[in-house]
């Protein structure tokens, strides 16, 4: 299928930039803090992490971090262009649905992330080719712990036991099908799983590039609210 790119308009939730991949309009990048702010202003939304005093991070064991929420991923003032994290699967789904969208399924996510479907595809991508990483043959254009861009994330120095945190979404290059950040930066919730578990895709800044491959099927409890899981939304093509 071809690709269509639309610019952002007044409503950052419903009119964020999208690309069309196999009958779905995909958010080009992960949902941002600024977009969730718009949702919260419209609905009065308060996340579970906010209600509980903070989200979680792994520090040789799970730790709750006071004040770490989608508004302040690392407990300090954040940029609106950072990916929104510390949100549960159900919170992410509700944010997408408020914008007339939804979370993608695992099959949809993997097809968009690894199989180039643009006709014609811009170099260096090739139409019909299945890639190892969402950024192509290598993960060097993504953001992760090792094997990716040589970039330092936005987390304050000393705030993390491992890694340097995520990058703002607009700092990552377009990968397969013109999507940004499908590999690395933050894991992404998808609407597939059994019981209380839901799949997350793409790896994150916490892990090295090996976690970005299609065969890596990670699951988390749907109530997880952690510093390295975000999401993006899709809707049927109009």
Protein backbone atom coordinates (compact mmCIF):
# COMPACT_ATOMS: atom_id res chain seq x y z
CA UNK A 1 0.00 0.00 0.00
CA UNK A 2 1.08 3.60 -0.50
CA UNK A 3 1.90 6.12 2.19
CA UNK A 4 0.17 9.39 2.92
CA UNK A 5 1.56 12.03 5.27
CA UNK A 6 -0.71 14.56 6.92
CA UNK A 7 0.43 17.56 8.95
CA UNK A 8 -0.61 18.38 12.49
CA UNK A 9 -3.59 20.73 12.99
CA UNK A 10 -5.29 22.29 16.03
CA UNK A 11 -6.08 19.11 17.95
CA UNK A 12 -2.85 17.25 18.77
CA UNK A 13 -4.72 14.03 19.58
CA UNK A 14 -6.90 13.60 16.52
CA UNK A 15 -4.74 15.31 13.93
CA UNK A 16 -1.19 14.24 14.72
CA UNK A 17 0.95 13.38 11.66
CA UNK A 18 0.10 9.97 10.19
CA UNK A 19 1.32 7.54 7.55
CA UNK A 20 -0.92 5.08 5.74
CA UNK A 21 0.21 1.46 5.90
CA UNK A 22 -1.96 -1.38 4.55
CA UNK A 23 -5.31 0.28 5.19
CA UNK A 24 -4.48 1.92 8.52
CA UNK A 25 -3.44 5.46 9.34
CA UNK A 26 -0.58 5.21 11.83
CA UNK A 27 0.70 7.89 14.15
CA UNK A 28 4.15 8.67 12.78
CA UNK A 29 5.62 8.67 16.29
CA UNK A 30 4.67 7.59 19.78
CA UNK A 31 1.95 9.54 21.57
CA UNK A 32 3.66 12.45 23.31
CA UNK A 33 3.35 14.15 26.66
CA UNK A 34 1.81 17.14 24.92
CA UNK A 35 -0.88 14.96 23.36
CA UNK A 36 -1.75 13.36 26.69
CA UNK A 37 -1.93 16.83 28.25
CA UNK A 38 -4.63 17.67 25.69
CA UNK A 39 -6.50 14.47 26.60
CA UNK A 40 -6.23 15.24 30.34
CA UNK A 41 -7.45 18.81 29.84
CA UNK A 42 -10.45 17.56 27.86
CA UNK A 43 -11.43 14.70 30.18
CA UNK A 44 -9.96 15.32 33.64
CA UNK A 45 -7.83 12.20 33.25
CA UNK A 46 -5.59 11.23 36.17
CA UNK A 47 -3.39 8.22 35.62
CA UNK A 48 -2.94 5.33 38.01
CA UNK A 49 0.72 6.29 38.49
CA UNK A 50 -0.36 9.80 39.51
CA UNK A 51 -2.90 8.42 41.97
CA UNK A 52 -0.31 6.09 43.47
CA UNK A 53 2.39 8.75 43.78
CA UNK A 54 4.60 7.56 40.94
CA UNK A 55 5.38 4.98 38.28
CA UNK A 56 8.03 2.30 38.37
CA UNK A 57 11.53 1.56 37.13
CA UNK A 58 13.76 -1.48 37.49
CA UNK A 59 16.73 -1.05 39.83
CA UNK A 60 17.88 -4.62 40.50
CA UNK A 61 14.21 -5.08 41.46
CA UNK A 62 11.06 -3.07 40.79
CA UNK A 63 11.02 0.35 42.46
CA UNK A 64 8.27 2.97 42.64
CA UNK A 65 9.66 6.43 41.97
CA UNK A 66 7.88 9.30 43.71
CA UNK A 67 6.65 11.91 41.24
CA UNK A 68 7.59 9.92 38.12
CA UNK A 69 4.46 10.05 35.93
CA UNK A 70 3.59 10.65 32.29
CA UNK A 71 3.87 14.39 33.02
CA UNK A 72 7.35 14.03 34.54
CA UNK A 73 8.83 10.71 33.33
CA UNK A 74 11.97 11.14 35.46
CA UNK A 75 10.49 13.30 38.20
CA UNK A 76 11.43 16.64 36.62
CA UNK A 77 9.83 19.00 34.10
CA UNK A 78 9.62 17.30 30.68
CA UNK A 79 9.31 18.45 27.08
CA UNK A 80 5.93 18.07 25.38
CA UNK A 81 7.68 16.17 22.56
CA UNK A 82 8.85 13.34 24.81
CA UNK A 83 6.98 10.02 24.52
CA UNK A 84 4.28 9.55 27.16
CA UNK A 85 5.20 6.69 29.52
CA UNK A 86 4.10 5.45 32.97
CA UNK A 87 0.67 4.65 31.45
CA UNK A 88 -1.09 1.29 31.69
CA UNK A 89 -2.36 -0.61 28.66
CA UNK A 90 -5.95 0.41 29.42
CA UNK A 91 -5.01 4.06 29.86
CA UNK A 92 -3.20 4.01 26.53
CA UNK A 93 -6.20 2.41 24.83
CA UNK A 94 -8.55 5.01 26.34
CA UNK A 95 -6.36 7.86 25.08
CA UNK A 96 -6.36 6.40 21.56
CA UNK A 97 -10.13 5.83 21.59
CA UNK A 98 -10.82 9.38 22.71
CA UNK A 99 -9.17 10.46 19.45
CA UNK A 100 -11.22 8.00 17.38
CA UNK A 101 -8.26 5.63 17.16
CA UNK A 102 -7.07 2.45 18.89
CA UNK A 103 -3.93 0.55 19.76
CA UNK A 104 -2.68 -1.70 16.93
CA UNK A 105 -2.73 -5.47 17.19
CA UNK A 106 0.53 -7.38 17.25
CA UNK A 107 0.06 -8.56 13.65
CA UNK A 108 -0.57 -4.98 12.51
CA UNK A 109 2.42 -3.66 14.43
CA UNK A 110 4.87 -6.22 13.06
CA UNK A 111 3.66 -5.81 9.47
CA UNK A 112 4.10 -2.05 9.70
CA UNK A 113 7.46 -2.22 11.50
CA UNK A 114 9.28 -4.82 9.42
CA UNK A 115 7.63 -5.16 5.97
CA UNK A 116 8.20 -2.19 3.65
CA UNK A 117 4.90 -1.51 1.86
CA UNK A 118 5.38 1.87 0.21
CA UNK A 119 5.19 1.94 -3.59
CA UNK A 120 7.67 3.17 -4.46
CA UNK A 121 9.72 3.05 -1.30
CA UNK A 122 12.31 5.81 -0.93
CA UNK A 123 15.97 4.70 -0.77
CA UNK A 124 17.42 2.87 1.05
CA UNK A 125 14.17 0.94 1.55
CA UNK A 126 12.84 -1.58 -1.00
CA UNK A 127 9.14 -2.32 -1.52
CA UNK A 128 8.20 -5.80 -0.35
CA UNK A 129 11.37 -6.39 1.65
CA UNK A 130 11.14 -7.62 5.23
CA UNK A 131 13.74 -6.00 7.46
CA UNK A 132 15.42 -7.25 10.61
CA UNK A 133 14.85 -4.00 12.47
CA UNK A 134 12.14 -1.33 12.28
CA UNK A 135 14.83 1.04 11.00
CA UNK A 136 16.02 -1.33 8.27
CA UNK A 137 18.97 -3.69 8.07
CA UNK A 138 20.50 -2.30 11.25
CA UNK A 139 19.37 -0.55 14.43
CA UNK A 140 21.96 2.22 14.13
CA UNK A 141 19.34 4.93 13.58
CA UNK A 142 17.32 3.99 16.68
CA UNK A 143 17.86 4.85 20.35
CA UNK A 144 18.73 2.01 22.72
CA UNK A 145 21.29 0.93 25.31
CA UNK A 146 23.84 -0.56 22.88
CA UNK A 147 24.07 -0.95 19.09
CA UNK A 148 22.10 2.21 18.26
CA UNK A 149 22.64 5.97 17.97
CA UNK A 150 25.37 7.44 20.14
CA UNK A 151 22.94 9.73 21.95
CA UNK A 152 22.25 10.54 25.59
CA UNK A 153 18.61 10.46 26.68
CA UNK A 154 16.82 13.18 28.62
CA UNK A 155 16.88 11.57 32.08
CA UNK A 156 18.78 13.68 34.65
CA UNK A 157 22.28 12.41 35.38
CA UNK A 158 22.24 9.92 38.23
CA UNK A 159 18.48 9.35 38.14
CA UNK A 160 18.68 5.90 36.52
CA UNK A 161 20.38 2.70 37.55
CA UNK A 162 20.82 1.83 33.84
CA UNK A 163 20.69 3.80 30.60
CA UNK A 164 20.01 7.47 30.00
CA UNK A 165 16.29 7.55 29.25
CA UNK A 166 14.32 8.25 26.08
CA UNK A 167 14.75 10.91 23.40
CA UNK A 168 12.02 13.31 22.21
CA UNK A 169 10.12 11.72 19.34
CA UNK A 170 11.06 14.22 16.63
CA UNK A 171 14.76 13.44 17.01
CA UNK A 172 14.46 9.97 15.45
CA UNK A 173 14.69 9.32 11.71
CA UNK A 174 11.93 7.68 9.66
CA UNK A 175 12.29 3.91 9.35
CA UNK A 176 10.32 1.19 7.56
CA UNK A 177 7.10 2.61 6.07
CA UNK A 178 8.10 6.09 7.20
CA UNK A 179 7.38 5.39 10.89
CA UNK A 180 9.62 6.86 13.57
CA UNK A 181 10.76 5.19 16.78
CA UNK A 182 9.29 1.74 16.17
CA UNK A 183 12.65 0.33 17.25
CA UNK A 184 14.10 1.42 20.58
CA UNK A 185 13.34 4.58 22.56
CA UNK A 186 10.30 3.09 24.37
CA UNK A 187 8.43 -0.20 24.20
CA UNK A 188 4.95 0.14 22.68
CA UNK A 189 1.73 -1.43 23.96
CA UNK A 190 -0.19 -3.50 21.39
CA UNK A 191 -3.67 -4.96 21.73
CA UNK A 192 -2.73 -8.64 21.76
CA UNK A 193 -2.21 -10.98 24.70
CA UNK A 194 -3.77 -13.56 26.99
CA UNK A 195 -5.46 -12.90 30.31
CA UNK A 196 -3.94 -9.88 32.01
CA UNK A 197 -0.83 -9.92 29.83
CA UNK A 198 -0.33 -7.66 26.82
CA UNK A 199 2.47 -7.69 24.26
CA UNK A 200 4.90 -4.80 24.00
CA UNK A 201 7.00 -4.26 20.89
CA UNK A 202 10.13 -2.53 19.72
CA UNK A 203 12.49 -2.63 22.67
CA UNK A 204 13.51 0.57 24.47
CA UNK A 205 16.40 2.68 25.70
CA UNK A 206 16.74 0.17 28.57
CA UNK A 207 17.74 -2.72 26.26
CA UNK A 208 20.22 -3.25 23.46
CA UNK A 209 19.33 -3.58 19.77
CA UNK A 210 18.66 -7.33 19.96
CA UNK A 211 15.29 -6.62 21.63
CA UNK A 212 14.03 -4.81 18.51
CA UNK A 213 13.73 -7.86 16.24
CA UNK A 214 10.39 -9.33 15.17
CA UNK A 215 10.93 -12.63 17.03
CA UNK A 216 11.17 -10.81 20.37
CA UNK A 217 7.64 -11.10 21.78
CA UNK A 218 7.67 -9.50 25.22
CA UNK A 219 4.62 -9.34 27.50
CA UNK A 220 3.78 -7.31 30.58
CA UNK A 221 0.78 -7.19 32.94
CA UNK A 222 -1.70 -4.70 31.49
CA UNK A 223 -1.59 -2.59 34.67
CA UNK A 224 2.17 -2.01 34.30
CA UNK A 225 3.07 1.71 34.53
CA UNK A 226 6.76 1.95 33.90
CA UNK A 227 9.25 4.50 32.63
CA UNK A 228 10.11 2.69 29.37
CA UNK A 229 6.69 1.73 27.90
CA UNK A 230 4.81 4.11 25.61
CA UNK A 231 2.38 3.64 22.71
CA UNK A 232 1.08 4.90 19.38
CA UNK A 233 -2.41 4.85 17.87
CA UNK A 234 -3.93 3.73 14.56
CA UNK A 235 -7.28 4.16 12.82
CA UNK A 236 -8.85 2.76 9.63
CA UNK A 237 -7.82 4.75 6.58
CA UNK A 238 -10.35 7.43 5.67
